[in-house]
PDB file of N, CA and C in Angstrom:
ATOM      1  N   MET A   1      -8.881   9.370 -10.885  1.00  0.00           N
ATOM      2  CA  MET A   1      -8.238   8.083 -10.703  1.00  0.00           C
ATOM      3  C   MET A   1      -7.606   7.685 -12.031  1.00  0.00           C
ATOM      4  N   SER A   2      -6.472   7.050 -11.958  1.00  0.00           N
ATOM      5  CA  SER A   2      -5.760   6.647 -13.163  1.00  0.00           C
ATOM      6  C   SER A   2      -6.345   5.363 -13.720  1.00  0.00           C
ATOM      7  N   SER A   3      -5.771   4.925 -14.837  1.00  0.00           N
ATOM      8  CA  SER A   3      -6.212   3.670 -15.437  1.00  0.00           C
ATOM      9  C   SER A   3      -5.687   2.470 -14.650  1.00  0.00           C
ATOM     10  N   GLU A   4      -4.780   2.710 -13.737  1.00  0.00           N
ATOM     11  CA  GLU A   4      -4.234   1.623 -12.909  1.00  0.00           C
ATOM     12  C   GLU A   4      -5.223   1.344 -11.780  1.00  0.00           C
ATOM     13  N   SER A   5      -5.653   0.115 -11.660  1.00  0.00           N
ATOM     14  CA  SER A   5      -6.704  -0.209 -10.693  1.00  0.00           C
ATOM     15  C   SER A   5      -6.130  -0.414  -9.299  1.00  0.00           C
ATOM     16  N   PRO A   6      -7.015  -0.307  -8.287  1.00  0.00           N
ATOM     17  CA  PRO A   6      -6.568  -0.604  -6.922  1.00  0.00           C
ATOM     18  C   PRO A   6      -6.032  -2.026  -6.775  1.00  0.00           C
ATOM     19  N   ASP A   7      -6.419  -2.932  -7.680  1.00  0.00           N
ATOM     20  CA  ASP A   7      -5.871  -4.290  -7.647  1.00  0.00           C
ATOM     21  C   ASP A   7      -4.367  -4.280  -7.906  1.00  0.00           C
ATOM     22  N   ALA A   8      -3.875  -3.201  -8.504  1.00  0.00           N
ATOM     23  CA  ALA A   8      -2.436  -3.067  -8.727  1.00  0.00           C
ATOM     24  C   ALA A   8      -1.691  -3.041  -7.395  1.00  0.00           C
ATOM     25  N   LEU A   9      -2.351  -2.585  -6.348  1.00  0.00           N
ATOM     26  CA  LEU A   9      -1.738  -2.569  -5.024  1.00  0.00           C
ATOM     27  C   LEU A   9      -1.461  -3.993  -4.546  1.00  0.00           C
ATOM     28  N   VAL A  10      -2.434  -4.866  -4.684  1.00  0.00           N
ATOM     29  CA  VAL A  10      -2.254  -6.266  -4.279  1.00  0.00           C
ATOM     30  C   VAL A  10      -1.177  -6.914  -5.139  1.00  0.00           C
ATOM     31  N   ALA A  11      -1.209  -6.655  -6.432  1.00  0.00           N
ATOM     32  CA  ALA A  11      -0.195  -7.220  -7.328  1.00  0.00           C
ATOM     33  C   ALA A  11       1.196  -6.740  -6.927  1.00  0.00           C
ATOM     34  N   TRP A  12       1.307  -5.472  -6.565  1.00  0.00           N
ATOM     35  CA  TRP A  12       2.595  -4.909  -6.166  1.00  0.00           C
ATOM     36  C   TRP A  12       3.100  -5.596  -4.900  1.00  0.00           C
ATOM     37  N   VAL A  13       2.222  -5.755  -3.916  1.00  0.00           N
ATOM     38  CA  VAL A  13       2.616  -6.424  -2.670  1.00  0.00           C
ATOM     39  C   VAL A  13       3.004  -7.871  -2.952  1.00  0.00           C
ATOM     40  N   ASN A  14       2.231  -8.553  -3.774  1.00  0.00           N
ATOM     41  CA  ASN A  14       2.559  -9.941  -4.114  1.00  0.00           C
ATOM     42  C   ASN A  14       3.914 -10.050  -4.804  1.00  0.00           C
ATOM     43  N   HIS A  15       4.243  -9.066  -5.613  1.00  0.00           N
ATOM     44  CA  HIS A  15       5.512  -9.091  -6.357  1.00  0.00           C
ATOM     45  C   HIS A  15       6.704  -8.753  -5.460  1.00  0.00           C
ATOM     46  N   ARG A  16       6.538  -7.779  -4.568  1.00  0.00           N
ATOM     47  CA  ARG A  16       7.669  -7.298  -3.780  1.00  0.00           C
ATOM     48  C   ARG A  16       7.739  -7.857  -2.360  1.00  0.00           C
ATOM     49  N   GLY A  17       6.621  -8.322  -1.858  1.00  0.00           N
ATOM     50  CA  GLY A  17       6.591  -8.834  -0.494  1.00  0.00           C
ATOM     51  C   GLY A  17       7.397 -10.115  -0.370  1.00  0.00           C
ATOM     52  N   ARG A  18       7.873 -10.361   0.830  1.00  0.00           N
ATOM     53  CA  ARG A  18       8.631 -11.594   1.048  1.00  0.00           C
ATOM     54  C   ARG A  18       7.933 -12.411   2.134  1.00  0.00           C
ATOM     55  N   ASP A  19       8.119 -13.711   2.027  1.00  0.00           N
ATOM     56  CA  ASP A  19       7.530 -14.638   2.991  1.00  0.00           C
ATOM     57  C   ASP A  19       6.035 -14.415   3.176  1.00  0.00           C
ATOM     58  N   LEU A  20       5.327 -14.240   2.066  1.00  0.00           N
ATOM     59  CA  LEU A  20       3.881 -14.025   2.135  1.00  0.00           C
ATOM     60  C   LEU A  20       3.173 -15.349   2.421  1.00  0.00           C
ATOM     61  N   PRO A  21       2.019 -15.297   3.062  1.00  0.00           N
ATOM     62  CA  PRO A  21       1.285 -16.523   3.362  1.00  0.00           C
ATOM     63  C   PRO A  21       0.907 -17.270   2.077  1.00  0.00           C
ATOM     64  N   GLU A  22       0.881 -18.576   2.168  1.00  0.00           N
ATOM     65  CA  GLU A  22       0.537 -19.393   1.005  1.00  0.00           C
ATOM     66  C   GLU A  22      -0.864 -19.109   0.497  1.00  0.00           C
ATOM     67  N   ASP A  23      -1.788 -18.765   1.404  1.00  0.00           N
ATOM     68  CA  ASP A  23      -3.162 -18.495   0.983  1.00  0.00           C
ATOM     69  C   ASP A  23      -3.348 -17.073   0.457  1.00  0.00           C
ATOM     70  N   GLY A  24      -2.284 -16.324   0.344  1.00  0.00           N
ATOM     71  CA  GLY A  24      -2.322 -15.007  -0.275  1.00  0.00           C
ATOM     72  C   GLY A  24      -2.391 -13.851   0.709  1.00  0.00           C
ATOM     73  N   VAL A  25      -2.299 -12.680   0.150  1.00  0.00           N
ATOM     74  CA  VAL A  25      -2.323 -11.440   0.920  1.00  0.00           C
ATOM     75  C   VAL A  25      -3.775 -11.140   1.303  1.00  0.00           C
ATOM     76  N   THR A  26      -3.991 -10.812   2.560  1.00  0.00           N
ATOM     77  CA  THR A  26      -5.316 -10.421   3.024  1.00  0.00           C
ATOM     78  C   THR A  26      -5.314  -8.936   3.370  1.00  0.00           C
ATOM     79  N   GLU A  27      -6.495  -8.388   3.537  1.00  0.00           N
ATOM     80  CA  GLU A  27      -6.626  -6.961   3.840  1.00  0.00           C
ATOM     81  C   GLU A  27      -5.988  -6.590   5.169  1.00  0.00           C
ATOM     82  N   ASP A  28      -5.895  -7.531   6.105  1.00  0.00           N
ATOM     83  CA  ASP A  28      -5.366  -7.210   7.433  1.00  0.00           C
ATOM     84  C   ASP A  28      -3.997  -7.827   7.716  1.00  0.00           C
ATOM     85  N   LEU A  29      -3.317  -8.321   6.682  1.00  0.00           N
ATOM     86  CA  LEU A  29      -1.970  -8.862   6.860  1.00  0.00           C
ATOM     87  C   LEU A  29      -1.026  -7.727   7.259  1.00  0.00           C
ATOM     88  N   PRO A  30      -0.322  -7.836   8.390  1.00  0.00           N
ATOM     89  CA  PRO A  30       0.589  -6.765   8.818  1.00  0.00           C
ATOM     90  C   PRO A  30       1.820  -6.716   7.902  1.00  0.00           C
ATOM     91  N   LEU A  31       1.847  -5.727   7.027  1.00  0.00           N
ATOM     92  CA  LEU A  31       2.877  -5.674   5.985  1.00  0.00           C
ATOM     93  C   LEU A  31       4.261  -5.344   6.535  1.00  0.00           C
ATOM     94  N   LEU A  32       4.357  -4.314   7.343  1.00  0.00           N
ATOM     95  CA  LEU A  32       5.665  -3.930   7.886  1.00  0.00           C
ATOM     96  C   LEU A  32       5.981  -4.703   9.164  1.00  0.00           C
ATOM     97  N   ALA A  33       5.028  -4.780  10.069  1.00  0.00           N
ATOM     98  CA  ALA A  33       5.260  -5.504  11.326  1.00  0.00           C
ATOM     99  C   ALA A  33       5.538  -6.982  11.058  1.00  0.00           C
ATOM    100  N   GLY A  34       4.937  -7.530  10.007  1.00  0.00           N
ATOM    101  CA  GLY A  34       5.172  -8.918   9.643  1.00  0.00           C
ATOM    102  C   GLY A  34       6.417  -9.103   8.794  1.00  0.00           C
ATOM    103  N   ARG A  35       7.094  -7.998   8.522  1.00  0.00           N
ATOM    104  CA  ARG A  35       8.331  -7.980   7.734  1.00  0.00           C
ATOM    105  C   ARG A  35       8.155  -8.502   6.304  1.00  0.00           C
ATOM    106  N   HIS A  36       6.931  -8.345   5.784  1.00  0.00           N
ATOM    107  CA  HIS A  36       6.678  -8.705   4.384  1.00  0.00           C
ATOM    108  C   HIS A  36       7.184  -7.595   3.471  1.00  0.00           C
ATOM    109  N   LEU A  37       7.104  -6.367   3.970  1.00  0.00           N
ATOM    110  CA  LEU A  37       7.687  -5.199   3.302  1.00  0.00           C
ATOM    111  C   LEU A  37       8.610  -4.523   4.306  1.00  0.00           C
ATOM    112  N   THR A  38       9.546  -3.741   3.784  1.00  0.00           N
ATOM    113  CA  THR A  38      10.449  -2.976   4.650  1.00  0.00           C
ATOM    114  C   THR A  38      10.287  -1.489   4.350  1.00  0.00           C
ATOM    115  N   SER A  39      10.913  -0.676   5.159  1.00  0.00           N
ATOM    116  CA  SER A  39      10.849   0.770   4.948  1.00  0.00           C
ATOM    117  C   SER A  39      11.426   1.159   3.590  1.00  0.00           C
ATOM    118  N   LEU A  40      12.283   0.330   3.044  1.00  0.00           N
ATOM    119  CA  LEU A  40      12.858   0.624   1.725  1.00  0.00           C
ATOM    120  C   LEU A  40      11.810   0.522   0.618  1.00  0.00           C
ATOM    121  N   HIS A  41      10.715  -0.160   0.862  1.00  0.00           N
ATOM    122  CA  HIS A  41       9.642  -0.280  -0.120  1.00  0.00           C
ATOM    123  C   HIS A  41       8.730   0.948  -0.148  1.00  0.00           C
ATOM    124  N   ILE A  42       8.728   1.727   0.924  1.00  0.00           N
ATOM    125  CA  ILE A  42       7.753   2.806   1.080  1.00  0.00           C
ATOM    126  C   ILE A  42       7.814   3.855  -0.035  1.00  0.00           C
ATOM    127  N   PRO A  43       8.975   4.348  -0.447  1.00  0.00           N
ATOM    128  CA  PRO A  43       8.965   5.344  -1.528  1.00  0.00           C
ATOM    129  C   PRO A  43       8.317   4.823  -2.818  1.00  0.00           C
ATOM    130  N   GLU A  44       8.617   3.598  -3.182  1.00  0.00           N
ATOM    131  CA  GLU A  44       8.018   3.024  -4.386  1.00  0.00           C
ATOM    132  C   GLU A  44       6.514   2.821  -4.186  1.00  0.00           C
ATOM    133  N   LEU A  45       6.116   2.417  -2.998  1.00  0.00           N
ATOM    134  CA  LEU A  45       4.700   2.244  -2.695  1.00  0.00           C
ATOM    135  C   LEU A  45       3.968   3.584  -2.784  1.00  0.00           C
ATOM    136  N   ILE A  46       4.578   4.639  -2.297  1.00  0.00           N
ATOM    137  CA  ILE A  46       3.969   5.973  -2.385  1.00  0.00           C
ATOM    138  C   ILE A  46       3.752   6.363  -3.840  1.00  0.00           C
ATOM    139  N   LEU A  47       4.739   6.121  -4.679  1.00  0.00           N
ATOM    140  CA  LEU A  47       4.586   6.439  -6.105  1.00  0.00           C
ATOM    141  C   LEU A  47       3.449   5.640  -6.732  1.00  0.00           C
ATOM    142  N   LEU A  48       3.336   4.374  -6.375  1.00  0.00           N
ATOM    143  CA  LEU A  48       2.244   3.546  -6.875  1.00  0.00           C
ATOM    144  C   LEU A  48       0.894   4.109  -6.426  1.00  0.00           C
ATOM    145  N   LEU A  49       0.777   4.464  -5.163  1.00  0.00           N
ATOM    146  CA  LEU A  49      -0.473   5.004  -4.649  1.00  0.00           C
ATOM    147  C   LEU A  49      -0.847   6.307  -5.347  1.00  0.00           C
ATOM    148  N   GLU A  50       0.138   7.116  -5.668  1.00  0.00           N
ATOM    149  CA  GLU A  50      -0.133   8.356  -6.403  1.00  0.00           C
ATOM    150  C   GLU A  50      -0.642   8.056  -7.808  1.00  0.00           C
ATOM    151  N   ARG A  51      -0.063   7.048  -8.453  1.00  0.00           N
ATOM    152  CA  ARG A  51      -0.536   6.663  -9.793  1.00  0.00           C
ATOM    153  C   ARG A  51      -1.955   6.112  -9.739  1.00  0.00           C
ATOM    154  N   ILE A  52      -2.239   5.275  -8.766  1.00  0.00           N
ATOM    155  CA  ILE A  52      -3.565   4.671  -8.661  1.00  0.00           C
ATOM    156  C   ILE A  52      -4.619   5.726  -8.343  1.00  0.00           C
ATOM    157  N   SER A  53      -4.333   6.581  -7.383  1.00  0.00           N
ATOM    158  CA  SER A  53      -5.332   7.547  -6.906  1.00  0.00           C
ATOM    159  C   SER A  53      -5.412   8.802  -7.761  1.00  0.00           C
ATOM    160  N   GLY A  54      -4.330   9.102  -8.474  1.00  0.00           N
ATOM    161  CA  GLY A  54      -4.294  10.350  -9.221  1.00  0.00           C
ATOM    162  C   GLY A  54      -4.078  11.558  -8.326  1.00  0.00           C
ATOM    163  N   ARG A  55      -3.718  11.309  -7.070  1.00  0.00           N
ATOM    164  CA  ARG A  55      -3.476  12.386  -6.105  1.00  0.00           C
ATOM    165  C   ARG A  55      -2.089  12.248  -5.505  1.00  0.00           C
ATOM    166  N   GLU A  56      -1.529  13.388  -5.159  1.00  0.00           N
ATOM    167  CA  GLU A  56      -0.217  13.385  -4.509  1.00  0.00           C
ATOM    168  C   GLU A  56      -0.353  12.948  -3.056  1.00  0.00           C
ATOM    169  N   VAL A  57       0.566  12.114  -2.605  1.00  0.00           N
ATOM    170  CA  VAL A  57       0.634  11.737  -1.198  1.00  0.00           C
ATOM    171  C   VAL A  57       1.431  12.814  -0.481  1.00  0.00           C
ATOM    172  N   GLU A  58       0.844  13.398   0.535  1.00  0.00           N
ATOM    173  CA  GLU A  58       1.518  14.440   1.301  1.00  0.00           C
ATOM    174  C   GLU A  58       2.441  13.769   2.314  1.00  0.00           C
ATOM    175  N   VAL A  59       3.691  13.591   1.915  1.00  0.00           N
ATOM    176  CA  VAL A  59       4.623  12.825   2.753  1.00  0.00           C
ATOM    177  C   VAL A  59       4.890  13.487   4.099  1.00  0.00           C
ATOM    178  N   ASP A  60       4.746  14.787   4.189  1.00  0.00           N
ATOM    179  CA  ASP A  60       4.971  15.452   5.477  1.00  0.00           C
ATOM    180  C   ASP A  60       3.824  15.195   6.454  1.00  0.00           C
ATOM    181  N   ARG A  61       2.743  14.575   5.973  1.00  0.00           N
ATOM    182  CA  ARG A  61       1.606  14.264   6.838  1.00  0.00           C
ATOM    183  C   ARG A  61       1.500  12.768   7.143  1.00  0.00           C
ATOM    184  N   LEU A  62       2.477  11.996   6.696  1.00  0.00           N
ATOM    185  CA  LEU A  62       2.459  10.556   6.965  1.00  0.00           C
ATOM    186  C   LEU A  62       2.650  10.299   8.453  1.00  0.00           C
ATOM    187  N   GLN A  63       1.992   9.244   8.930  1.00  0.00           N
ATOM    188  CA  GLN A  63       2.083   8.880  10.338  1.00  0.00           C
ATOM    189  C   GLN A  63       2.437   7.410  10.463  1.00  0.00           C
ATOM    190  N   ALA A  64       2.984   7.069  11.598  1.00  0.00           N
ATOM    191  CA  ALA A  64       3.254   5.656  11.882  1.00  0.00           C
ATOM    192  C   ALA A  64       1.940   4.910  11.751  1.00  0.00           C
ATOM    193  N   GLY A  65       1.974   3.793  11.073  1.00  0.00           N
ATOM    194  CA  GLY A  65       0.769   2.992  10.907  1.00  0.00           C
ATOM    195  C   GLY A  65       0.036   3.212   9.602  1.00  0.00           C
ATOM    196  N   ASP A  66       0.406   4.230   8.822  1.00  0.00           N
ATOM    197  CA  ASP A  66      -0.283   4.495   7.554  1.00  0.00           C
ATOM    198  C   ASP A  66      -0.146   3.343   6.555  1.00  0.00           C
ATOM    199  N   PHE A  67       0.887   2.535   6.705  1.00  0.00           N
ATOM    200  CA  PHE A  67       1.134   1.423   5.788  1.00  0.00           C
ATOM    201  C   PHE A  67       1.017   0.077   6.509  1.00  0.00           C
ATOM    202  N   GLN A  68       0.221   0.060   7.570  1.00  0.00           N
ATOM    203  CA  GLN A  68       0.075  -1.114   8.427  1.00  0.00           C
ATOM    204  C   GLN A  68      -0.383  -2.349   7.659  1.00  0.00           C
ATOM    205  N   ASP A  69      -1.421  -2.205   6.848  1.00  0.00           N
ATOM    206  CA  ASP A  69      -1.973  -3.325   6.091  1.00  0.00           C
ATOM    207  C   ASP A  69      -2.737  -2.761   4.894  1.00  0.00           C
ATOM    208  N   LEU A  70      -3.230  -3.635   4.029  1.00  0.00           N
ATOM    209  CA  LEU A  70      -3.930  -3.171   2.830  1.00  0.00           C
ATOM    210  C   LEU A  70      -5.181  -2.375   3.180  1.00  0.00           C
ATOM    211  N   ARG A  71      -5.902  -2.793   4.191  1.00  0.00           N
ATOM    212  CA  ARG A  71      -7.123  -2.077   4.584  1.00  0.00           C
ATOM    213  C   ARG A  71      -6.800  -0.633   4.959  1.00  0.00           C
ATOM    214  N   THR A  72      -5.757  -0.448   5.753  1.00  0.00           N
ATOM    215  CA  THR A  72      -5.351   0.891   6.177  1.00  0.00           C
ATOM    216  C   THR A  72      -4.873   1.717   4.986  1.00  0.00           C
ATOM    217  N   ILE A  73      -4.083   1.111   4.124  1.00  0.00           N
ATOM    218  CA  ILE A  73      -3.572   1.818   2.938  1.00  0.00           C
ATOM    219  C   ILE A  73      -4.729   2.267   2.049  1.00  0.00           C
ATOM    220  N   ARG A  74      -5.680   1.373   1.800  1.00  0.00           N
ATOM    221  CA  ARG A  74      -6.835   1.743   0.960  1.00  0.00           C
ATOM    222  C   ARG A  74      -7.626   2.890   1.590  1.00  0.00           C
ATOM    223  N   ALA A  75      -7.875   2.800   2.904  1.00  0.00           N
ATOM    224  CA  ALA A  75      -8.657   3.846   3.576  1.00  0.00           C
ATOM    225  C   ALA A  75      -7.932   5.188   3.567  1.00  0.00           C
ATOM    226  N   LYS A  76      -6.632   5.147   3.784  1.00  0.00           N
ATOM    227  CA  LYS A  76      -5.845   6.384   3.889  1.00  0.00           C
ATOM    228  C   LYS A  76      -5.567   7.028   2.532  1.00  0.00           C
ATOM    229  N   PHE A  77      -5.256   6.204   1.528  1.00  0.00           N
ATOM    230  CA  PHE A  77      -4.747   6.760   0.275  1.00  0.00           C
ATOM    231  C   PHE A  77      -5.653   6.546  -0.942  1.00  0.00           C
ATOM    232  N   LEU A  78      -6.556   5.589  -0.900  1.00  0.00           N
ATOM    233  CA  LEU A  78      -7.340   5.272  -2.089  1.00  0.00           C
ATOM    234  C   LEU A  78      -8.832   5.551  -1.935  1.00  0.00           C
ATOM    235  N   ALA A  79      -9.251   5.993  -0.759  1.00  0.00           N
ATOM    236  CA  ALA A  79     -10.657   6.359  -0.563  1.00  0.00           C
ATOM    237  C   ALA A  79     -10.951   7.621  -1.383  1.00  0.00           C
ATOM    238  N   PRO A  80     -12.185   7.780  -1.827  1.00  0.00           N
ATOM    239  CA  PRO A  80     -12.534   8.998  -2.576  1.00  0.00           C
ATOM    240  C   PRO A  80     -12.168  10.252  -1.780  1.00  0.00           C
ATOM    241  N   ALA A  81     -11.706  11.262  -2.502  1.00  0.00           N
ATOM    242  CA  ALA A  81     -11.304  12.523  -1.855  1.00  0.00           C
ATOM    243  C   ALA A  81     -12.515  13.178  -1.208  1.00  0.00           C
ATOM    244  N   ARG A  82     -12.262  13.758  -0.038  1.00  0.00           N
ATOM    245  CA  ARG A  82     -13.354  14.440   0.684  1.00  0.00           C
ATOM    246  C   ARG A  82     -13.329  15.902   0.395  1.00  0.00           C
TER     247      ARG A  82
END
């Protein structure tokens, strides 16, 4: 894992997301379906996840829903390697 903490993910969403709830980003906030992020954000998000996790994201294995919300992103990309 890099020196960049998983909290960097929340900071990134807060910085780039649009029309975020006043009470802040939650683990189950629908990022793409809620139009807080767009598909144009995904490449930059992938790079961030690679920096945080220290692992390459296998883009050919991405599936619809992998970026649904913070909970899903953490489970898919930031959980300890098996």
